[in-house]
Amino acid sequence: ARRLQAFTLFHSFPADPPGRDLGHLASLAGRGLLQVDVDEEMSWTEIGTALKKLEDRTVRGKIVLTLK
């Protein structure tokens, strides 16, 4: 199994947009080839709370922001 620890998006490379890489990661996760530890799911309107939790390191996995 593969595991993603972290990644950084660089917006200074317009010829290589991050969407392609994110699409590839989503494809791997969807096929079960990438372990994704989701700790919490919340609305994108709660992004301030999510960022605070990440900053305080109170989450063990990822926080998923939904567009609901």
PDB file of N, CA and C in Angstrom:
ATOM      1  N   ALA A   1       0.844  -1.188   0.000  1.00  0.00           N
ATOM      2  CA  ALA A   1       0.000   0.000   0.000  1.00  0.00           C
ATOM      3  C   ALA A   1       0.882   1.242   0.000  1.00  0.00           C
ATOM      4  N   ARG A   2       0.364   2.290  -0.575  1.00  0.00           N
ATOM      5  CA  ARG A   2       1.085   3.565  -0.615  1.00  0.00           C
ATOM      6  C   ARG A   2       0.472   4.511   0.395  1.00  0.00           C
ATOM      7  N   ARG A   3       1.261   5.426   0.869  1.00  0.00           N
ATOM      8  CA  ARG A   3       0.762   6.368   1.864  1.00  0.00           C
ATOM      9  C   ARG A   3       1.281   7.759   1.547  1.00  0.00           C
ATOM     10  N   LEU A   4       0.414   8.729   1.614  1.00  0.00           N
ATOM     11  CA  LEU A   4       0.779  10.117   1.375  1.00  0.00           C
ATOM     12  C   LEU A   4       0.990  10.794   2.720  1.00  0.00           C
ATOM     13  N   GLN A   5       2.163  11.346   2.933  1.00  0.00           N
ATOM     14  CA  GLN A   5       2.450  12.041   4.187  1.00  0.00           C
ATOM     15  C   GLN A   5       2.070  13.511   4.090  1.00  0.00           C
ATOM     16  N   ALA A   6       2.498  14.175   3.034  1.00  0.00           N
ATOM     17  CA  ALA A   6       2.194  15.589   2.855  1.00  0.00           C
ATOM     18  C   ALA A   6       2.604  15.990   1.446  1.00  0.00           C
ATOM     19  N   PHE A   7       2.047  17.066   0.976  1.00  0.00           N
ATOM     20  CA  PHE A   7       2.474  17.610  -0.301  1.00  0.00           C
ATOM     21  C   PHE A   7       2.236  19.102  -0.293  1.00  0.00           C
ATOM     22  N   THR A   8       2.946  19.794  -1.145  1.00  0.00           N
ATOM     23  CA  THR A   8       2.858  21.242  -1.231  1.00  0.00           C
ATOM     24  C   THR A   8       2.516  21.634  -2.652  1.00  0.00           C
ATOM     25  N   LEU A   9       1.626  22.586  -2.798  1.00  0.00           N
ATOM     26  CA  LEU A   9       1.261  23.084  -4.113  1.00  0.00           C
ATOM     27  C   LEU A   9       2.049  24.347  -4.402  1.00  0.00           C
ATOM     28  N   PHE A  10       2.696  24.383  -5.553  1.00  0.00           N
ATOM     29  CA  PHE A  10       3.434  25.557  -5.968  1.00  0.00           C
ATOM     30  C   PHE A  10       2.660  26.220  -7.090  1.00  0.00           C
ATOM     31  N   HIS A  11       2.173  27.413  -6.860  1.00  0.00           N
ATOM     32  CA  HIS A  11       1.391  28.127  -7.865  1.00  0.00           C
ATOM     33  C   HIS A  11       2.272  28.919  -8.827  1.00  0.00           C
ATOM     34  N   SER A  12       3.571  28.791  -8.691  1.00  0.00           N
ATOM     35  CA  SER A  12       4.463  29.548  -9.556  1.00  0.00           C
ATOM     36  C   SER A  12       4.767  28.828 -10.872  1.00  0.00           C
ATOM     37  N   PHE A  13       4.162  27.663 -11.070  1.00  0.00           N
ATOM     38  CA  PHE A  13       4.375  26.897 -12.295  1.00  0.00           C
ATOM     39  C   PHE A  13       3.066  26.790 -13.071  1.00  0.00           C
ATOM     40  N   PRO A  14       2.663  27.849 -13.781  1.00  0.00           N
ATOM     41  CA  PRO A  14       1.371  27.842 -14.456  1.00  0.00           C
ATOM     42  C   PRO A  14       1.245  26.771 -15.539  1.00  0.00           C
ATOM     43  N   ALA A  15       2.362  26.314 -16.094  1.00  0.00           N
ATOM     44  CA  ALA A  15       2.304  25.292 -17.137  1.00  0.00           C
ATOM     45  C   ALA A  15       1.971  23.919 -16.564  1.00  0.00           C
ATOM     46  N   ASP A  16       2.066  23.749 -15.273  1.00  0.00           N
ATOM     47  CA  ASP A  16       1.804  22.464 -14.628  1.00  0.00           C
ATOM     48  C   ASP A  16       0.850  22.690 -13.456  1.00  0.00           C
ATOM     49  N   PRO A  17      -0.450  22.856 -13.730  1.00  0.00           N
ATOM     50  CA  PRO A  17      -1.406  23.173 -12.668  1.00  0.00           C
ATOM     51  C   PRO A  17      -1.541  22.035 -11.655  1.00  0.00           C
ATOM     52  N   PRO A  18      -1.817  22.361 -10.392  1.00  0.00           N
ATOM     53  CA  PRO A  18      -1.909  21.341  -9.342  1.00  0.00           C
ATOM     54  C   PRO A  18      -3.092  20.394  -9.523  1.00  0.00           C
ATOM     55  N   GLY A  19      -4.097  20.777 -10.303  1.00  0.00           N
ATOM     56  CA  GLY A  19      -5.275  19.926 -10.476  1.00  0.00           C
ATOM     57  C   GLY A  19      -4.945  18.546 -11.002  1.00  0.00           C
ATOM     58  N   ARG A  20      -3.959  18.453 -11.884  1.00  0.00           N
ATOM     59  CA  ARG A  20      -3.595  17.146 -12.444  1.00  0.00           C
ATOM     60  C   ARG A  20      -3.054  16.229 -11.346  1.00  0.00           C
ATOM     61  N   ASP A  21      -2.178  16.749 -10.508  1.00  0.00           N
ATOM     62  CA  ASP A  21      -1.623  15.945  -9.416  1.00  0.00           C
ATOM     63  C   ASP A  21      -2.696  15.575  -8.398  1.00  0.00           C
ATOM     64  N   LEU A  22      -3.562  16.523  -8.073  1.00  0.00           N
ATOM     65  CA  LEU A  22      -4.646  16.230  -7.131  1.00  0.00           C
ATOM     66  C   LEU A  22      -5.592  15.180  -7.706  1.00  0.00           C
ATOM     67  N   GLY A  23      -5.852  15.249  -9.008  1.00  0.00           N
ATOM     68  CA  GLY A  23      -6.693  14.245  -9.660  1.00  0.00           C
ATOM     69  C   GLY A  23      -6.063  12.866  -9.577  1.00  0.00           C
ATOM     70  N   HIS A  24      -4.751  12.805  -9.762  1.00  0.00           N
ATOM     71  CA  HIS A  24      -4.040  11.528  -9.665  1.00  0.00           C
ATOM     72  C   HIS A  24      -4.132  10.966  -8.244  1.00  0.00           C
ATOM     73  N   LEU A  25      -3.929  11.827  -7.246  1.00  0.00           N
ATOM     74  CA  LEU A  25      -4.044  11.389  -5.849  1.00  0.00           C
ATOM     75  C   LEU A  25      -5.452  10.905  -5.532  1.00  0.00           C
ATOM     76  N   ALA A  26      -6.459  11.617  -6.022  1.00  0.00           N
ATOM     77  CA  ALA A  26      -7.850  11.202  -5.793  1.00  0.00           C
ATOM     78  C   ALA A  26      -8.118   9.858  -6.452  1.00  0.00           C
ATOM     79  N   SER A  27      -7.567   9.642  -7.629  1.00  0.00           N
ATOM     80  CA  SER A  27      -7.726   8.368  -8.324  1.00  0.00           C
ATOM     81  C   SER A  27      -7.100   7.227  -7.527  1.00  0.00           C
ATOM     82  N   LEU A  28      -5.894   7.441  -7.021  1.00  0.00           N
ATOM     83  CA  LEU A  28      -5.239   6.417  -6.201  1.00  0.00           C
ATOM     84  C   LEU A  28      -6.071   6.093  -4.957  1.00  0.00           C
ATOM     85  N   ALA A  29      -6.557   7.130  -4.289  1.00  0.00           N
ATOM     86  CA  ALA A  29      -7.365   6.926  -3.079  1.00  0.00           C
ATOM     87  C   ALA A  29      -8.660   6.193  -3.419  1.00  0.00           C
ATOM     88  N   GLY A  30      -9.297   6.566  -4.525  1.00  0.00           N
ATOM     89  CA  GLY A  30     -10.547   5.937  -4.931  1.00  0.00           C
ATOM     90  C   GLY A  30     -10.396   4.466  -5.267  1.00  0.00           C
ATOM     91  N   ARG A  31      -9.225   4.082  -5.749  1.00  0.00           N
ATOM     92  CA  ARG A  31      -8.967   2.676  -6.090  1.00  0.00           C
ATOM     93  C   ARG A  31      -8.391   1.903  -4.914  1.00  0.00           C
ATOM     94  N   GLY A  32      -8.273   2.556  -3.768  1.00  0.00           N
ATOM     95  CA  GLY A  32      -7.760   1.878  -2.583  1.00  0.00           C
ATOM     96  C   GLY A  32      -6.256   1.695  -2.588  1.00  0.00           C
ATOM     97  N   LEU A  33      -5.550   2.451  -3.422  1.00  0.00           N
ATOM     98  CA  LEU A  33      -4.100   2.325  -3.519  1.00  0.00           C
ATOM     99  C   LEU A  33      -3.360   3.357  -2.672  1.00  0.00           C
ATOM    100  N   LEU A  34      -4.102   4.193  -1.971  1.00  0.00           N
ATOM    101  CA  LEU A  34      -3.503   5.237  -1.146  1.00  0.00           C
ATOM    102  C   LEU A  34      -4.274   5.300   0.166  1.00  0.00           C
ATOM    103  N   GLN A  35      -3.577   5.161   1.258  1.00  0.00           N
ATOM    104  CA  GLN A  35      -4.222   5.228   2.565  1.00  0.00           C
ATOM    105  C   GLN A  35      -4.505   6.682   2.910  1.00  0.00           C
ATOM    106  N   VAL A  36      -5.756   6.983   3.181  1.00  0.00           N
ATOM    107  CA  VAL A  36      -6.153   8.348   3.523  1.00  0.00           C
ATOM    108  C   VAL A  36      -6.808   8.302   4.903  1.00  0.00           C
ATOM    109  N   ASP A  37      -6.154   8.872   5.886  1.00  0.00           N
ATOM    110  CA  ASP A  37      -6.674   8.901   7.253  1.00  0.00           C
ATOM    111  C   ASP A  37      -7.451  10.193   7.456  1.00  0.00           C
ATOM    112  N   VAL A  38      -8.777  10.096   7.407  1.00  0.00           N
ATOM    113  CA  VAL A  38      -9.636  11.263   7.595  1.00  0.00           C
ATOM    114  C   VAL A  38     -10.056  11.308   9.053  1.00  0.00           C
ATOM    115  N   ASP A  39      -9.712  12.382   9.724  1.00  0.00           N
ATOM    116  CA  ASP A  39     -10.045  12.549  11.134  1.00  0.00           C
ATOM    117  C   ASP A  39     -11.383  13.247  11.310  1.00  0.00           C
ATOM    118  N   GLU A  40     -11.674  14.193  10.423  1.00  0.00           N
ATOM    119  CA  GLU A  40     -12.898  14.984  10.586  1.00  0.00           C
ATOM    120  C   GLU A  40     -13.372  15.511   9.234  1.00  0.00           C
ATOM    121  N   GLU A  41     -14.674  15.667   9.117  1.00  0.00           N
ATOM    122  CA  GLU A  41     -15.284  16.260   7.926  1.00  0.00           C
ATOM    123  C   GLU A  41     -16.122  17.445   8.377  1.00  0.00           C
ATOM    124  N   MET A  42     -15.948  18.575   7.706  1.00  0.00           N
ATOM    125  CA  MET A  42     -16.724  19.764   8.057  1.00  0.00           C
ATOM    126  C   MET A  42     -16.959  20.611   6.813  1.00  0.00           C
ATOM    127  N   SER A  43     -17.874  21.530   6.907  1.00  0.00           N
ATOM    128  CA  SER A  43     -18.200  22.416   5.795  1.00  0.00           C
ATOM    129  C   SER A  43     -17.041  23.365   5.521  1.00  0.00           C
ATOM    130  N   TRP A  44     -16.892  23.736   4.252  1.00  0.00           N
ATOM    131  CA  TRP A  44     -15.834  24.690   3.880  1.00  0.00           C
ATOM    132  C   TRP A  44     -16.025  26.023   4.581  1.00  0.00           C
ATOM    133  N   THR A  45     -17.255  26.307   5.033  1.00  0.00           N
ATOM    134  CA  THR A  45     -17.501  27.558   5.760  1.00  0.00           C
ATOM    135  C   THR A  45     -16.845  27.555   7.137  1.00  0.00           C
ATOM    136  N   GLU A  46     -16.390  26.382   7.573  1.00  0.00           N
ATOM    137  CA  GLU A  46     -15.710  26.258   8.857  1.00  0.00           C
ATOM    138  C   GLU A  46     -14.190  26.182   8.681  1.00  0.00           C
ATOM    139  N   ILE A  47     -13.694  26.746   7.604  1.00  0.00           N
ATOM    140  CA  ILE A  47     -12.264  26.645   7.297  1.00  0.00           C
ATOM    141  C   ILE A  47     -11.404  27.254   8.401  1.00  0.00           C
ATOM    142  N   GLY A  48     -11.879  28.304   9.036  1.00  0.00           N
ATOM    143  CA  GLY A  48     -11.120  28.902  10.146  1.00  0.00           C
ATOM    144  C   GLY A  48     -10.928  27.915  11.287  1.00  0.00           C
ATOM    145  N   THR A  49     -11.981  27.206  11.621  1.00  0.00           N
ATOM    146  CA  THR A  49     -11.901  26.178  12.675  1.00  0.00           C
ATOM    147  C   THR A  49     -10.951  25.067  12.259  1.00  0.00           C
ATOM    148  N   ALA A  50     -11.055  24.651  11.001  1.00  0.00           N
ATOM    149  CA  ALA A  50     -10.187  23.587  10.500  1.00  0.00           C
ATOM    150  C   ALA A  50      -8.716  23.998  10.567  1.00  0.00           C
ATOM    151  N   LEU A  51      -8.418  25.199  10.130  1.00  0.00           N
ATOM    152  CA  LEU A  51      -7.038  25.678  10.169  1.00  0.00           C
ATOM    153  C   LEU A  51      -6.509  25.769  11.590  1.00  0.00           C
ATOM    154  N   LYS A  52      -7.360  26.201  12.511  1.00  0.00           N
ATOM    155  CA  LYS A  52      -6.955  26.288  13.918  1.00  0.00           C
ATOM    156  C   LYS A  52      -6.638  24.902  14.472  1.00  0.00           C
ATOM    157  N   LYS A  53      -7.471  23.908  14.128  1.00  0.00           N
ATOM    158  CA  LYS A  53      -7.221  22.541  14.593  1.00  0.00           C
ATOM    159  C   LYS A  53      -5.910  22.000  14.021  1.00  0.00           C
ATOM    160  N   LEU A  54      -5.640  22.307  12.752  1.00  0.00           N
ATOM    161  CA  LEU A  54      -4.379  21.869  12.148  1.00  0.00           C
ATOM    162  C   LEU A  54      -3.195  22.571  12.802  1.00  0.00           C
ATOM    163  N   GLU A  55      -3.341  23.871  13.032  1.00  0.00           N
ATOM    164  CA  GLU A  55      -2.278  24.640  13.662  1.00  0.00           C
ATOM    165  C   GLU A  55      -1.980  24.128  15.074  1.00  0.00           C
ATOM    166  N   ASP A  56      -3.042  23.804  15.813  1.00  0.00           N
ATOM    167  CA  ASP A  56      -2.899  23.314  17.186  1.00  0.00           C
ATOM    168  C   ASP A  56      -2.523  21.832  17.243  1.00  0.00           C
ATOM    169  N   ARG A  57      -2.497  21.193  16.080  1.00  0.00           N
ATOM    170  CA  ARG A  57      -2.169  19.769  15.972  1.00  0.00           C
ATOM    171  C   ARG A  57      -3.089  18.901  16.823  1.00  0.00           C
ATOM    172  N   THR A  58      -4.392  19.201  16.747  1.00  0.00           N
ATOM    173  CA  THR A  58      -5.368  18.423  17.513  1.00  0.00           C
ATOM    174  C   THR A  58      -6.075  17.382  16.649  1.00  0.00           C
ATOM    175  N   VAL A  59      -5.639  17.226  15.414  1.00  0.00           N
ATOM    176  CA  VAL A  59      -6.211  16.193  14.536  1.00  0.00           C
ATOM    177  C   VAL A  59      -5.129  15.162  14.239  1.00  0.00           C
ATOM    178  N   ARG A  60      -5.538  13.899  14.135  1.00  0.00           N
ATOM    179  CA  ARG A  60      -4.583  12.825  13.878  1.00  0.00           C
ATOM    180  C   ARG A  60      -4.459  12.511  12.395  1.00  0.00           C
ATOM    181  N   GLY A  61      -5.479  12.846  11.626  1.00  0.00           N
ATOM    182  CA  GLY A  61      -5.462  12.570  10.194  1.00  0.00           C
ATOM    183  C   GLY A  61      -5.694  13.852   9.416  1.00  0.00           C
ATOM    184  N   LYS A  62      -6.477  13.733   8.366  1.00  0.00           N
ATOM    185  CA  LYS A  62      -6.785  14.879   7.520  1.00  0.00           C
ATOM    186  C   LYS A  62      -8.153  15.442   7.896  1.00  0.00           C
ATOM    187  N   ILE A  63      -8.373  16.679   7.559  1.00  0.00           N
ATOM    188  CA  ILE A  63      -9.688  17.297   7.675  1.00  0.00           C
ATOM    189  C   ILE A  63     -10.205  17.479   6.239  1.00  0.00           C
ATOM    190  N   VAL A  64     -11.383  16.964   5.991  1.00  0.00           N
ATOM    191  CA  VAL A  64     -12.011  17.085   4.675  1.00  0.00           C
ATOM    192  C   VAL A  64     -13.026  18.217   4.738  1.00  0.00           C
ATOM    193  N   LEU A  65     -12.883  19.187   3.844  1.00  0.00           N
ATOM    194  CA  LEU A  65     -13.846  20.288   3.769  1.00  0.00           C
ATOM    195  C   LEU A  65     -14.826  19.980   2.636  1.00  0.00           C
ATOM    196  N   THR A  66     -16.116  20.008   2.950  1.00  0.00           N
ATOM    197  CA  THR A  66     -17.144  19.706   1.948  1.00  0.00           C
ATOM    198  C   THR A  66     -17.771  20.993   1.434  1.00  0.00           C
ATOM    199  N   LEU A  67     -18.365  20.902   0.266  1.00  0.00           N
ATOM    200  CA  LEU A  67     -19.021  22.064  -0.354  1.00  0.00           C
ATOM    201  C   LEU A  67     -20.528  22.024  -0.169  1.00  0.00           C
ATOM    202  N   LYS A  68     -21.022  21.294   0.786  1.00  0.00           N
ATOM    203  CA  LYS A  68     -22.467  21.166   1.049  1.00  0.00           C
ATOM    204  C   LYS A  68     -23.030  22.472   1.542  1.00  0.00           C
TER     205      LYS A  68
END
